[in-house]
Amino acid sequence: MAHNTLEISSKKRQLQSKEEIENKKKIRFEDSKKTPEESKDHRHKKKKIKCKSSEEDAAERSGHEAKKIQLRLEEENEKGIGAEDIKKTAAHRHSTHRKNRDHEDLKKTKRSRSPDEDIAGPTEQKKPRIEAPRPPHLDIKNYTFHTQLGSGGYGRVMLASLPGKDKPVAVKIIAKKQNEKDQAILKEVCIMKLATKCAFICPAFAAFQSQVQAFIVMEHASGGTLLKQIRSQGNLTQRRILFYSAEMVVGLQFLHANGIIHRDFKPDNVLLDDEGHVKICDFGLSLENMFGPKTHSGGAGTFGFQAPEVMSQMDYNTGADWWSFGVTLYEMATGYLPYSAKGNTKEQLHQVLQRQPYYPSYLCPELQDLLCKLLKNEPDQRLGVNGNIREHPFFACLDWEEVEQRRLEPPFKPKVRPIEYYGEKKIEFPTGDSSESRMLEDFSFLDPNWQE
């Protein structure tokens, strides 16, 4: 009996579906004949009818479900199954169906995830990069300037002080040109960094820059230049000549061992520190990586101190520095140059090649012999290139280890004035266009030993 009832219900639903299909076809045919306004009204009515039909279908489905439950109750009564269990099963099916339908609706309405959005949630916004504060040693505004120590084509050197530092410093201020001169600035700083390995090279404590200027902070040698000593004394005593020349030999040999040719060695570029020891400075014209038999050509240096091979545009090596050292030694001993610095390069070369220097009789034989061997026209015969200069008789009384360790007592100790003696000097520093890239790479540095 239950089986027959289900068949009747199924046939009834099939007939209803066929009637609905026929009605829809009829409505579409009638709509095609109507005006747009009539069609609009008809669609509105059709929507209402459809909603009503959906409600009726839902009610009908509920009725069918009730009939199914009733039929099953009757069947299960015969099998001994309780009505309460059947109701629970039906309720569970209805609940599962409803959850599935709600889940589908949620999927339709849920916003799709952006492909850039991480599963764990939106990415955290990156924090802006905060640059480390610049040490006060690398800011020109923190220096107080007192007086000018020197000037030239490179720029000028100022005596300066920095809060927290007991000793004043010398600050070299150089205008950047965006040409080979800028490379000379980089080279000079690079060489001065080596001063930690040699006591007779003027050290750089720091280097930094603005858009238009470069600054090199150096040790202040309060004794001034060797040239100043020569001009004030006329000619130096043999004890002072021996002391200064020995320390200069150690300094030059250190540079040459590191592949550096100074190319502008002269009394102007030899300083005396607070205790009276030598400090070689000014490496703007220096050559690097000059090891072994490697040579270079091209004019450089100061008239009166240039070696003949430099003036004649021939290839040269470290022998050019030993010639300049010989001229410096001669000037310390006599108060004047072995060859005049007047005239052009051609005239100077002519006098060097045509005559020998004059050696005053008051010079000791050992010093005269040393000068003769340093001022040889042939660079391969020049002492320093040919032979070890430390073994020359003029230096026979020296212990070179004592010289290298600065253990010799200086024959002259400069008078050091307090920084207050000089007062203050205001300096204006130009600012460049920040949009123009004029910064030197790998230039800035700060000696950690000086920073402490």
Protein backbone atom coordinates (compact mmCIF):
# COMPACT_ATOMS: atom_id res chain seq x y z
CA MET A 1 0.00 0.00 0.00
CA ALA A 2 2.82 2.40 0.87
CA HIS A 3 4.54 1.55 -2.37
CA ASN A 4 1.45 2.44 -4.43
CA THR A 5 1.11 5.78 -2.64
CA LEU A 6 4.70 6.74 -3.55
CA GLU A 7 4.12 5.89 -7.21
CA ILE A 8 0.98 8.04 -7.32
CA SER A 9 2.90 10.99 -5.78
CA SER A 10 5.70 10.58 -8.29
CA LYS A 11 3.33 10.57 -11.26
CA LYS A 12 1.60 13.61 -9.90
CA ARG A 13 4.86 15.53 -9.72
CA GLN A 14 5.71 14.57 -13.31
CA LEU A 15 2.35 15.85 -14.56
CA GLN A 16 2.87 19.13 -12.67
CA SER A 17 6.32 19.57 -14.25
CA LYS A 18 4.93 19.04 -17.74
CA GLU A 19 2.18 21.59 -17.10
CA GLU A 20 4.73 24.13 -15.86
CA ILE A 21 6.89 23.66 -18.99
CA GLU A 22 3.85 24.16 -21.25
CA ASN A 23 2.85 27.28 -19.33
CA LYS A 24 6.36 28.76 -19.63
CA LYS A 25 6.37 28.22 -23.42
CA LYS A 26 2.96 29.85 -23.69
CA ILE A 27 4.08 32.85 -21.59
CA ARG A 28 7.25 33.36 -23.73
CA PHE A 29 5.15 33.32 -26.92
CA GLU A 30 2.71 35.87 -25.51
CA ASP A 31 5.62 38.10 -24.26
CA SER A 32 7.09 38.29 -27.72
CA LYS A 33 3.87 39.95 -28.93
CA LYS A 34 3.73 42.52 -26.13
CA THR A 35 5.15 46.08 -26.10
CA PRO A 36 8.23 46.86 -23.94
CA GLU A 37 6.03 48.44 -21.25
CA GLU A 38 3.72 45.45 -21.15
CA SER A 39 6.71 43.11 -21.07
CA LYS A 40 8.14 44.97 -18.11
CA ASP A 41 4.86 44.64 -16.16
CA HIS A 42 4.58 41.03 -17.15
CA ARG A 43 8.13 40.25 -15.97
CA HIS A 44 7.34 41.89 -12.63
CA LYS A 45 4.19 39.75 -12.25
CA LYS A 46 6.14 36.72 -13.40
CA LYS A 47 8.73 37.33 -10.68
CA LYS A 48 5.97 37.45 -8.06
CA ILE A 49 4.44 34.29 -9.43
CA LYS A 50 7.85 32.60 -9.40
CA CYS A 51 8.41 33.54 -5.76
CA LYS A 52 4.95 32.28 -4.92
CA SER A 53 5.61 29.10 -6.84
CA SER A 54 8.88 28.61 -4.91
CA GLU A 55 6.99 28.96 -1.64
CA GLU A 56 4.34 26.48 -2.81
CA ASP A 57 7.08 24.07 -3.92
CA ALA A 58 8.75 24.37 -0.51
CA ALA A 59 5.43 23.69 1.21
CA GLU A 60 4.78 20.79 -1.10
CA ARG A 61 8.25 19.36 -0.39
CA SER A 62 7.54 19.66 3.33
CA GLY A 63 4.26 17.81 2.78
CA HIS A 64 6.04 15.07 0.85
CA GLU A 65 8.60 14.76 3.64
CA ALA A 66 5.82 14.42 6.18
CA LYS A 67 4.13 11.74 4.06
CA LYS A 68 7.47 9.88 3.73
CA ILE A 69 7.94 9.96 7.50
CA GLN A 70 4.38 8.73 8.03
CA LEU A 71 4.84 5.89 5.52
CA ARG A 72 8.15 4.91 7.09
CA LEU A 73 6.56 4.90 10.53
CA GLU A 74 3.96 2.50 9.31
CA GLU A 75 6.64 0.26 7.73
CA GLU A 76 8.91 0.36 10.77
CA ASN A 77 6.07 -0.35 13.15
CA GLU A 78 5.78 -3.71 11.46
CA LYS A 79 9.61 -4.19 11.98
CA GLY A 80 9.60 -2.95 15.60
CA ILE A 81 11.56 0.28 15.17
CA GLY A 82 10.48 3.18 17.39
CA ALA A 83 8.95 6.36 16.01
CA GLU A 84 11.29 8.47 18.08
CA ASP A 85 14.37 7.06 16.31
CA ILE A 86 12.89 7.74 12.90
CA LYS A 87 12.12 11.36 13.84
CA LYS A 88 15.70 11.86 15.05
CA THR A 89 17.10 10.49 11.79
CA ALA A 90 14.85 12.74 9.70
CA ALA A 91 15.75 15.77 11.81
CA HIS A 92 19.47 15.01 11.37
CA ARG A 93 19.10 14.79 7.57
CA HIS A 94 17.20 18.09 7.47
CA SER A 95 19.84 19.81 9.63
CA THR A 96 22.71 18.50 7.43
CA HIS A 97 20.94 19.67 4.27
CA ARG A 98 20.42 23.14 5.75
CA LYS A 99 24.08 23.45 6.82
CA ASN A 100 25.28 22.48 3.35
CA ARG A 101 22.96 25.06 1.76
CA ASP A 102 24.15 27.82 4.18
CA HIS A 103 27.78 26.91 3.42
CA GLU A 104 27.18 27.26 -0.30
CA ASP A 105 25.52 30.68 0.20
CA LEU A 106 28.51 31.80 2.30
CA LYS A 107 30.95 30.77 -0.44
CA LYS A 108 28.98 32.83 -2.98
CA THR A 109 28.90 35.97 -0.84
CA LYS A 110 32.47 35.72 0.63
CA ARG A 111 35.02 38.12 -0.91
CA SER A 112 37.68 36.34 -2.91
CA ARG A 113 41.23 36.62 -1.50
CA SER A 114 43.70 38.82 -3.30
CA PRO A 115 46.61 36.85 -4.80
CA ASP A 116 48.97 39.28 -3.04
CA GLU A 117 47.37 38.62 0.34
CA ASP A 118 49.15 36.13 2.54
CA ILE A 119 47.17 33.25 4.07
CA ALA A 120 48.31 34.24 7.53
CA GLY A 121 46.86 37.69 7.05
CA PRO A 122 47.93 40.98 5.48
CA THR A 123 51.67 41.57 5.44
CA GLU A 124 53.07 43.98 7.97
CA GLN A 125 54.04 47.36 6.64
CA LYS A 126 57.82 47.74 6.42
CA LYS A 127 59.30 50.18 8.85
CA PRO A 128 61.17 53.11 7.32
CA ARG A 129 64.95 52.68 7.35
CA ILE A 130 66.59 54.81 10.02
CA GLU A 131 70.18 55.73 9.25
CA ALA A 132 72.69 55.51 12.05
CA PRO A 133 73.65 58.90 13.42
CA ARG A 134 76.93 60.26 12.04
CA PRO A 135 79.78 60.37 14.59
CA PRO A 136 80.66 63.94 15.60
CA HIS A 137 84.16 63.36 14.19
CA LEU A 138 82.68 63.16 10.67
CA ASP A 139 80.74 66.43 10.71
CA ILE A 140 82.61 69.60 9.80
CA LYS A 141 80.15 71.68 11.85
CA ASN A 142 81.52 70.16 15.06
CA TYR A 143 85.04 71.51 14.49
CA THR A 144 86.24 74.88 15.73
CA PHE A 145 88.82 76.53 13.48
CA HIS A 146 91.63 78.72 14.77
CA THR A 147 94.17 79.64 12.09
CA GLN A 148 95.42 78.69 8.64
CA LEU A 149 98.50 76.45 8.60
CA GLY A 150 99.09 76.36 4.84
CA SER A 151 97.52 76.63 1.41
CA GLY A 152 98.18 75.64 -2.19
CA GLY A 153 96.59 74.40 -5.37
CA TYR A 154 94.99 71.54 -3.45
CA GLY A 155 93.12 73.85 -1.03
CA ARG A 156 94.13 74.84 2.49
CA VAL A 157 95.04 73.34 5.86
CA MET A 158 93.42 74.72 9.01
CA LEU A 159 94.26 74.29 12.68
CA ALA A 160 91.10 72.98 14.36
CA SER A 161 89.85 71.51 17.61
CA LEU A 162 87.08 69.03 18.39
CA PRO A 163 85.17 68.87 21.69
CA GLY A 164 86.38 65.99 23.82
CA LYS A 165 89.86 65.93 22.26
CA ASP A 166 92.86 67.29 24.15
CA LYS A 167 95.08 67.82 21.11
CA PRO A 168 94.21 70.04 18.14
CA VAL A 169 94.20 68.62 14.64
CA ALA A 170 94.98 69.82 11.13
CA VAL A 171 92.03 69.72 8.71
CA LYS A 172 92.82 69.68 5.02
CA ILE A 173 89.98 71.23 3.01
CA ILE A 174 89.94 70.30 -0.67
CA ALA A 175 87.49 71.40 -3.36
CA LYS A 176 86.22 68.44 -5.38
CA LYS A 177 86.47 68.80 -9.17
CA GLN A 178 85.04 65.51 -10.49
CA ASN A 179 88.26 64.77 -12.36
CA GLU A 180 91.67 63.20 -11.74
CA LYS A 181 92.13 65.53 -8.77
CA ASP A 182 89.38 63.64 -6.93
CA GLN A 183 91.30 60.42 -7.49
CA ALA A 184 94.34 62.08 -5.92
CA ILE A 185 92.25 62.82 -2.82
CA LEU A 186 91.24 59.17 -2.52
CA LYS A 187 94.84 58.08 -3.02
CA GLU A 188 96.16 60.44 -0.36
CA VAL A 189 93.71 59.16 2.25
CA CYS A 190 94.49 55.56 1.34
CA ILE A 191 98.23 56.13 1.86
CA MET A 192 97.77 58.05 5.10
CA LYS A 193 95.85 55.10 6.55
CA LEU A 194 99.15 53.17 6.41
CA ALA A 195 100.65 55.57 8.94
CA THR A 196 99.65 53.26 11.77
CA LYS A 197 102.46 50.96 10.58
CA CYS A 198 105.15 53.65 10.34
CA ALA A 199 105.91 56.33 12.92
CA PHE A 200 107.29 58.75 10.32
CA ILE A 201 104.24 59.09 8.07
CA CYS A 202 101.68 61.76 8.93
CA PRO A 203 98.49 59.88 9.86
CA ALA A 204 94.91 60.67 8.91
CA PHE A 205 92.45 60.32 11.78
CA ALA A 206 89.32 60.72 9.69
CA ALA A 207 88.05 61.64 6.25
CA PHE A 208 84.58 62.77 5.18
CA GLN A 209 82.94 64.96 2.55
CA SER A 210 80.15 67.26 1.50
CA GLN A 211 78.76 67.63 -2.00
CA VAL A 212 81.53 70.04 -3.01
CA GLN A 213 84.41 69.56 -0.55
CA ALA A 214 86.52 66.79 0.94
CA PHE A 215 87.95 66.96 4.47
CA ILE A 216 90.98 65.08 5.80
CA VAL A 217 91.59 65.27 9.55
CA MET A 218 95.29 64.79 10.27
CA GLU A 219 97.70 64.92 13.15
CA HIS A 220 98.78 68.47 13.87
CA ALA A 221 102.58 68.66 13.77
CA SER A 222 103.15 71.73 15.90
CA GLY A 223 106.83 71.95 14.91
CA GLY A 224 105.88 73.12 11.42
CA THR A 225 107.74 72.16 8.27
CA LEU A 226 111.37 71.26 7.86
CA LEU A 227 111.62 74.17 5.43
CA LYS A 228 110.68 76.52 8.26
CA GLN A 229 113.59 75.17 10.33
CA ILE A 230 116.02 75.58 7.42
CA ARG A 231 114.96 79.16 6.76
CA SER A 232 115.18 80.11 10.41
CA GLN A 233 118.64 78.49 10.90
CA GLY A 234 120.23 79.01 7.45
CA ASN A 235 121.78 75.55 7.60
CA LEU A 236 121.28 72.86 10.24
CA THR A 237 123.85 71.29 12.53
CA GLN A 238 125.21 67.90 11.58
CA ARG A 239 123.44 66.33 14.58
CA ARG A 240 120.08 67.59 13.35
CA ILE A 241 120.87 66.58 9.77
CA LEU A 242 121.73 63.04 10.96
CA PHE A 243 118.56 62.77 13.08
CA TYR A 244 116.10 64.08 10.47
CA SER A 245 117.68 62.24 7.53
CA ALA A 246 117.65 58.90 9.39
CA GLU A 247 113.93 59.17 10.16
CA MET A 248 113.23 60.25 6.57
CA VAL A 249 115.11 57.19 5.28
CA VAL A 250 112.89 54.90 7.40
CA GLY A 251 109.78 56.69 6.12
CA LEU A 252 110.79 56.54 2.43
CA GLN A 253 111.79 52.89 2.66
CA PHE A 254 108.42 52.10 4.23
CA LEU A 255 106.59 53.83 1.35
CA HIS A 256 108.68 52.06 -1.29
CA ALA A 257 108.18 48.69 0.37
CA ASN A 258 104.43 49.28 0.04
CA GLY A 259 104.69 50.17 -3.66
CA ILE A 260 104.39 53.94 -3.17
CA ILE A 261 106.51 56.61 -4.85
CA HIS A 262 106.03 60.02 -3.23
CA ARG A 263 107.11 62.10 -6.31
CA ASP A 264 107.03 65.41 -4.42
CA PHE A 265 109.46 64.87 -1.59
CA LYS A 266 110.87 68.19 -0.29
CA PRO A 267 111.32 70.09 3.02
CA ASP A 268 107.83 71.60 2.63
CA ASN A 269 106.33 68.09 2.89
CA VAL A 270 108.32 67.01 5.94
CA LEU A 271 106.77 68.05 9.26
CA LEU A 272 108.03 67.99 12.86
CA ASP A 273 105.61 66.79 15.52
CA ASP A 274 105.25 68.03 19.11
CA GLU A 275 108.33 66.07 20.21
CA GLY A 276 110.47 66.96 17.20
CA HIS A 277 110.18 63.73 15.19
CA VAL A 278 109.72 63.64 11.41
CA LYS A 279 106.32 63.20 9.70
CA ILE A 280 106.24 62.85 5.90
CA CYS A 281 103.04 64.29 4.43
CA ASP A 282 101.22 65.38 1.23
CA PHE A 283 100.67 62.32 -0.96
CA GLY A 284 98.51 63.95 -3.62
CA LEU A 285 101.05 63.26 -6.42
CA SER A 286 102.08 59.83 -5.19
CA LEU A 287 102.00 56.66 -7.28
CA GLU A 288 100.69 53.36 -5.92
CA ASN A 289 101.39 49.72 -6.82
CA MET A 290 104.94 50.49 -7.96
CA PHE A 291 106.55 47.19 -7.02
CA GLY A 292 109.73 45.58 -8.34
CA PRO A 293 110.91 46.70 -11.79
CA LYS A 294 107.69 48.58 -12.55
CA THR A 295 108.26 52.12 -13.88
CA HIS A 296 106.25 55.20 -14.73
CA SER A 297 106.69 58.22 -16.99
CA GLY A 298 105.32 61.75 -16.80
CA GLY A 299 106.27 64.99 -15.11
CA ALA A 300 105.46 65.53 -11.44
CA GLY A 301 106.97 67.27 -8.45
CA THR A 302 108.47 70.68 -7.70
CA PHE A 303 111.10 72.53 -9.72
CA GLY A 304 114.51 72.14 -8.12
CA PHE A 305 113.62 68.73 -6.64
CA GLN A 306 112.73 66.76 -9.79
CA ALA A 307 115.08 63.98 -10.83
CA PRO A 308 116.62 64.29 -14.33
CA GLU A 309 114.72 61.21 -15.58
CA VAL A 310 111.43 62.85 -14.51
CA MET A 311 112.27 66.13 -16.25
CA SER A 312 113.27 64.30 -19.45
CA GLN A 313 109.96 62.32 -19.50
CA MET A 314 111.80 59.00 -19.21
CA ASP A 315 110.62 55.97 -17.27
CA TYR A 316 111.43 56.15 -13.57
CA ASN A 317 110.86 54.32 -10.28
CA THR A 318 111.73 54.86 -6.60
CA GLY A 319 115.06 56.38 -7.68
CA ALA A 320 113.18 59.65 -8.29
CA ASP A 321 112.44 59.88 -4.54
CA TRP A 322 116.09 59.23 -3.61
CA TRP A 323 117.16 62.12 -5.86
CA SER A 324 114.62 64.42 -4.12
CA PHE A 325 115.85 63.16 -0.76
CA GLY A 326 119.42 64.07 -1.81
CA VAL A 327 118.30 67.62 -2.72
CA THR A 328 116.52 67.93 0.67
CA LEU A 329 119.60 66.69 2.49
CA TYR A 330 121.78 69.18 0.57
CA GLU A 331 119.44 72.06 1.49
CA MET A 332 119.52 71.09 5.19
CA ALA A 333 123.33 71.10 5.09
CA THR A 334 123.85 74.30 3.10
CA GLY A 335 120.63 76.34 3.26
CA TYR A 336 120.21 76.38 -0.54
CA LEU A 337 119.52 74.00 -3.46
CA PRO A 338 122.25 72.16 -5.43
CA TYR A 339 120.66 73.37 -8.69
CA SER A 340 118.69 76.54 -9.30
CA ALA A 341 114.91 76.19 -9.49
CA LYS A 342 114.71 79.12 -11.92
CA GLY A 343 113.90 78.74 -15.59
CA ASN A 344 111.82 76.17 -17.42
CA THR A 345 112.17 72.41 -17.32
CA LYS A 346 114.55 72.35 -20.29
CA GLU A 347 116.91 74.88 -18.68
CA GLN A 348 116.89 73.04 -15.36
CA LEU A 349 117.60 69.71 -17.03
CA HIS A 350 120.51 71.26 -18.91
CA GLN A 351 122.25 72.50 -15.74
CA VAL A 352 121.75 69.15 -13.98
CA LEU A 353 123.30 67.24 -16.86
CA GLN A 354 126.15 69.69 -17.51
CA ARG A 355 127.60 70.46 -14.06
CA GLN A 356 128.14 69.02 -10.62
CA PRO A 357 126.81 70.60 -7.40
CA TYR A 358 129.12 72.68 -5.23
CA TYR A 359 129.98 71.06 -1.87
CA PRO A 360 131.16 73.54 0.82
CA SER A 361 134.31 72.63 2.69
CA TYR A 362 132.56 72.64 6.08
CA LEU A 363 130.65 69.49 5.14
CA CYS A 364 132.18 66.35 6.61
CA PRO A 365 133.56 63.82 4.07
CA GLU A 366 130.89 61.24 4.92
CA LEU A 367 128.10 63.72 4.22
CA GLN A 368 129.72 64.86 0.96
CA ASP A 369 130.05 61.26 -0.18
CA LEU A 370 126.42 60.54 0.72
CA LEU A 371 125.23 63.58 -1.29
CA CYS A 372 127.33 62.60 -4.31
CA LYS A 373 125.85 59.11 -4.37
CA LEU A 374 122.28 60.38 -4.01
CA LEU A 375 122.65 63.03 -6.76
CA LYS A 376 123.84 60.71 -9.52
CA ASN A 377 122.22 61.36 -12.90
CA GLU A 378 121.88 57.64 -13.69
CA PRO A 379 119.00 56.32 -11.53
CA ASP A 380 120.29 52.74 -11.50
CA GLN A 381 123.58 54.01 -9.98
CA ARG A 382 121.86 56.13 -7.34
CA LEU A 383 122.17 55.13 -3.67
CA GLY A 384 118.83 53.83 -2.42
CA VAL A 385 118.29 51.97 -5.68
CA ASN A 386 121.86 50.68 -5.89
CA GLY A 387 122.85 49.61 -2.38
CA ASN A 388 121.35 49.95 1.09
CA ILE A 389 121.52 53.54 2.23
CA ARG A 390 121.45 52.52 5.90
CA GLU A 391 124.90 51.02 5.49
CA HIS A 392 126.49 54.29 4.38
CA PRO A 393 129.30 55.58 6.69
CA PHE A 394 127.37 58.78 7.46
CA PHE A 395 124.85 56.64 9.43
CA ALA A 396 127.46 54.37 11.00
CA CYS A 397 126.83 55.67 14.54
CA LEU A 398 123.11 54.86 14.46
CA ASP A 399 121.18 51.90 15.80
CA TRP A 400 118.43 51.59 13.17
CA GLU A 401 116.14 49.70 15.49
CA GLU A 402 116.33 52.63 17.91
CA VAL A 403 115.52 54.97 15.01
CA GLU A 404 112.48 52.94 13.92
CA GLN A 405 111.10 52.85 17.47
CA ARG A 406 111.50 56.65 17.90
CA ARG A 407 113.85 56.12 20.81
CA LEU A 408 116.43 58.67 19.70
CA GLU A 409 116.28 61.97 21.54
CA PRO A 410 115.24 64.74 19.10
CA PRO A 411 117.87 67.51 18.86
CA PHE A 412 115.13 70.13 18.78
CA LYS A 413 111.78 70.22 20.55
CA PRO A 414 109.24 72.67 19.14
CA LYS A 415 107.50 75.18 21.36
CA VAL A 416 103.83 74.23 21.54
CA ARG A 417 101.39 77.09 22.05
CA PRO A 418 98.02 76.44 23.71
CA ILE A 419 95.05 76.43 21.36
CA GLU A 420 93.60 79.50 23.11
CA TYR A 421 96.54 81.50 21.76
CA TYR A 422 95.05 81.43 18.25
CA GLY A 423 91.46 82.38 19.05
CA GLU A 424 88.68 81.33 16.68
CA LYS A 425 88.30 81.80 12.94
CA LYS A 426 84.90 81.62 11.26
CA ILE A 427 84.76 79.67 8.01
CA GLU A 428 81.84 79.41 5.61
CA PHE A 429 81.40 76.07 3.88
CA PRO A 430 79.57 76.04 0.55
CA THR A 431 76.69 73.64 0.01
CA GLY A 432 76.21 71.88 -3.30
CA ASP A 433 73.16 70.73 -5.20
CA SER A 434 72.10 67.47 -3.54
CA SER A 435 70.62 66.27 -6.84
CA GLU A 436 74.09 66.23 -8.35
CA SER A 437 76.03 63.10 -7.47
CA ARG A 438 79.49 64.31 -6.47
CA MET A 439 80.24 61.96 -3.60
CA LEU A 440 83.49 60.00 -3.66
CA GLU A 441 83.11 56.26 -3.13
CA ASP A 442 85.02 54.56 -0.33
CA PHE A 443 86.35 57.87 0.94
CA SER A 444 84.94 58.41 4.42
CA PHE A 445 86.57 56.65 7.35
CA LEU A 446 87.25 57.11 11.05
CA ASP A 447 90.26 55.72 12.91
CA PRO A 448 88.75 53.77 15.84
CA ASN A 449 91.78 54.57 18.01
CA TRP A 450 91.18 58.29 17.57
CA GLN A 451 87.43 57.96 18.07
CA GLU A 452 87.87 56.67 21.63
